[in-house]
C-alpha atoms as a PDB file:
ATOM      1  CA  UNK A   1      34.606 -54.468 -18.779  1.00  0.00           C
ATOM      2  CA  UNK A   2      34.025 -58.197 -18.962  1.00  0.00           C
ATOM      3  CA  UNK A   3      34.301 -60.313 -15.821  1.00  0.00           C
ATOM      4  CA  UNK A   4      34.824 -64.056 -15.817  1.00  0.00           C
ATOM      5  CA  UNK A   5      35.972 -66.665 -13.307  1.00  0.00           C
ATOM      6  CA  UNK A   6      39.035 -68.762 -14.141  1.00  0.00           C
ATOM      7  CA  UNK A   7      39.458 -72.141 -12.483  1.00  0.00           C
ATOM      8  CA  UNK A   8      42.715 -74.003 -11.996  1.00  0.00           C
ATOM      9  CA  UNK A   9      42.781 -77.628 -10.859  1.00  0.00           C
ATOM     10  CA  UNK A  10      44.718 -78.338  -7.681  1.00  0.00           C
ATOM     11  CA  UNK A  11      46.887 -81.329  -6.843  1.00  0.00           C
ATOM     12  CA  UNK A  12      44.099 -82.854  -4.700  1.00  0.00           C
ATOM     13  CA  UNK A  13      41.175 -84.523  -6.398  1.00  0.00           C
ATOM     14  CA  UNK A  14      38.012 -82.444  -6.357  1.00  0.00           C
ATOM     15  CA  UNK A  15      39.812 -79.225  -5.409  1.00  0.00           C
ATOM     16  CA  UNK A  16      40.193 -76.213  -7.681  1.00  0.00           C
ATOM     17  CA  UNK A  17      41.199 -72.594  -7.295  1.00  0.00           C
ATOM     18  CA  UNK A  18      39.125 -69.763  -8.665  1.00  0.00           C
ATOM     19  CA  UNK A  19      40.096 -66.191  -9.444  1.00  0.00           C
ATOM     20  CA  UNK A  20      38.256 -63.310 -11.095  1.00  0.00           C
ATOM     21  CA  UNK A  21      39.469 -62.100 -14.470  1.00  0.00           C
ATOM     22  CA  UNK A  22      38.531 -58.590 -15.682  1.00  0.00           C
ATOM     23  CA  UNK A  23      39.052 -57.673 -19.344  1.00  0.00           C
ATOM     24  CA  UNK A  24      38.994 -54.092 -20.520  1.00  0.00           C
ATOM     25  CA  UNK A  25      38.908 -53.712 -24.311  1.00  0.00           C
ATOM     26  CA  UNK A  26      39.529 -50.342 -25.904  1.00  0.00           C
ATOM     27  CA  UNK A  27      38.641 -49.195 -29.395  1.00  0.00           C
ATOM     28  CA  UNK A  28      42.279 -48.660 -30.460  1.00  0.00           C
ATOM     29  CA  UNK A  29      43.750 -52.099 -31.241  1.00  0.00           C
ATOM     30  CA  UNK A  30      47.222 -50.563 -31.690  1.00  0.00           C
ATOM     31  CA  UNK A  31      47.253 -49.184 -28.147  1.00  0.00           C
ATOM     32  CA  UNK A  32      49.602 -50.788 -25.623  1.00  0.00           C
ATOM     33  CA  UNK A  33      48.210 -53.426 -23.266  1.00  0.00           C
ATOM     34  CA  UNK A  34      49.021 -54.355 -19.698  1.00  0.00           C
ATOM     35  CA  UNK A  35      48.629 -57.357 -17.410  1.00  0.00           C
ATOM     36  CA  UNK A  36      47.910 -56.597 -13.755  1.00  0.00           C
ATOM     37  CA  UNK A  37      48.016 -59.191 -11.001  1.00  0.00           C
ATOM     38  CA  UNK A  38      47.716 -58.934  -7.236  1.00  0.00           C
ATOM     39  CA  UNK A  39      47.716 -61.177  -4.174  1.00  0.00           C
ATOM     40  CA  UNK A  40      49.369 -64.223  -5.671  1.00  0.00           C
ATOM     41  CA  UNK A  41      50.038 -65.074  -2.018  1.00  0.00           C
ATOM     42  CA  UNK A  42      47.492 -64.450   0.723  1.00  0.00           C
ATOM     43  CA  UNK A  43      49.341 -61.668   2.536  1.00  0.00           C
ATOM     44  CA  UNK A  44      49.948 -59.390  -0.459  1.00  0.00           C
ATOM     45  CA  UNK A  45      47.121 -56.929   0.147  1.00  0.00           C
ATOM     46  CA  UNK A  46      48.834 -53.710  -1.030  1.00  0.00           C
ATOM     47  CA  UNK A  47      48.574 -54.998  -4.613  1.00  0.00           C
ATOM     48  CA  UNK A  48      44.859 -55.610  -4.199  1.00  0.00           C
ATOM     49  CA  UNK A  49      44.404 -52.036  -2.963  1.00  0.00           C
ATOM     50  CA  UNK A  50      46.388 -50.673  -5.903  1.00  0.00           C
ATOM     51  CA  UNK A  51      44.395 -52.625  -8.494  1.00  0.00           C
ATOM     52  CA  UNK A  52      41.142 -51.629  -6.793  1.00  0.00           C
ATOM     53  CA  UNK A  53      42.155 -47.996  -7.262  1.00  0.00           C
ATOM     54  CA  UNK A  54      43.326 -48.536 -10.882  1.00  0.00           C
ATOM     55  CA  UNK A  55      40.270 -50.389 -12.190  1.00  0.00           C
ATOM     56  CA  UNK A  56      37.907 -47.374 -12.265  1.00  0.00           C
ATOM     57  CA  UNK A  57      40.599 -45.365 -14.099  1.00  0.00           C
ATOM     58  CA  UNK A  58      41.076 -48.098 -16.705  1.00  0.00           C
ATOM     59  CA  UNK A  59      37.302 -48.430 -17.138  1.00  0.00           C
ATOM     60  CA  UNK A  60      36.985 -44.791 -18.328  1.00  0.00           C
END
């Protein structure tokens, strides 16, 4: 698993948004891939809980 921080500039000068990005790379390049996203808006916590439960499974 590789973790990085992505930054997106905001409309206001000197302001940016940061979010963690986790990359899991398997040995089979032909295997399907998936994009998981949670909490695009502040109150969407069930998605965060789901991804928190999925990440250890994906890391195996």
